[in-house]
Amino acid sequence: MIEEDADEDDYNLLTGDFISKKTDENGNQITTKGNRGIKPLLNLEDFDASSTLDF
């Protein structure tokens, strides 16, 4: 089941582009688009899920 009022964040790791869709208290959907910049990708073998990263 898909929730119609669910918030959604989509972030492209290669380009830095993002789309954020939020629903306010009145049921209106607010869409924000932008670019967070390109960050170097981690090798999977170097990934540590317990580390803290700035997003």
Protein backbone atom coordinates (compact mmCIF):
# COMPACT_ATOMS: atom_id res chain seq x y z
CA MET A 1 0.00 0.00 0.00
CA ILE A 2 1.38 3.42 -0.99
CA GLU A 3 0.65 6.31 1.35
CA GLU A 4 -0.42 9.36 -0.69
CA ASP A 5 0.71 11.89 1.94
CA ALA A 6 4.09 10.26 2.63
CA ASP A 7 7.20 12.46 2.51
CA GLU A 8 9.75 11.54 -0.15
CA ASP A 9 13.45 12.37 -0.58
CA ASP A 10 15.35 11.46 -3.74
CA TYR A 11 19.11 12.11 -3.90
CA ASN A 12 21.36 11.31 -6.86
CA LEU A 13 24.82 10.42 -5.53
CA LEU A 14 26.53 10.94 -8.91
CA THR A 15 25.15 14.40 -9.77
CA GLY A 16 24.23 15.80 -6.32
CA ASP A 17 20.70 16.64 -7.52
CA PHE A 18 17.87 16.17 -5.02
CA ILE A 19 14.09 16.37 -4.93
CA SER A 20 12.27 16.57 -1.59
CA LYS A 21 8.47 16.23 -1.44
CA LYS A 22 6.73 17.03 1.85
CA THR A 23 3.04 17.29 2.71
CA ASP A 24 2.02 20.13 5.03
CA GLU A 25 -0.74 20.05 7.64
CA ASN A 26 -3.31 21.21 5.04
CA GLY A 27 -2.52 18.33 2.67
CA ASN A 28 -0.59 20.51 0.19
CA GLN A 29 2.51 18.97 -1.33
CA ILE A 30 5.66 21.12 -1.19
CA THR A 31 8.42 20.16 -3.64
CA THR A 32 12.00 21.39 -3.23
CA LYS A 33 14.66 20.77 -5.89
CA GLY A 34 18.34 21.58 -5.77
CA ASN A 35 21.89 20.37 -5.90
CA ARG A 36 23.93 19.51 -2.80
CA GLY A 37 27.16 19.20 -4.73
CA ILE A 38 29.14 16.14 -5.67
CA LYS A 39 30.87 14.25 -2.88
CA PRO A 40 33.34 11.43 -3.42
CA LEU A 41 31.74 7.99 -3.36
CA LEU A 42 32.89 5.41 -0.82
CA ASN A 43 34.10 1.96 -1.76
CA LEU A 44 31.73 -0.62 -0.35
CA GLU A 45 34.57 -2.29 1.54
CA ASP A 46 35.27 1.04 3.34
CA PHE A 47 31.62 1.63 4.33
CA ASP A 48 30.91 1.72 8.08
CA ALA A 49 27.21 2.02 8.91
CA SER A 50 27.96 3.01 12.51
CA SER A 51 29.98 6.09 11.50
CA THR A 52 28.35 9.53 11.42
CA LEU A 53 28.33 11.40 8.13
CA ASP A 54 27.22 14.93 7.26
CA PHE A 55 24.53 14.89 4.60
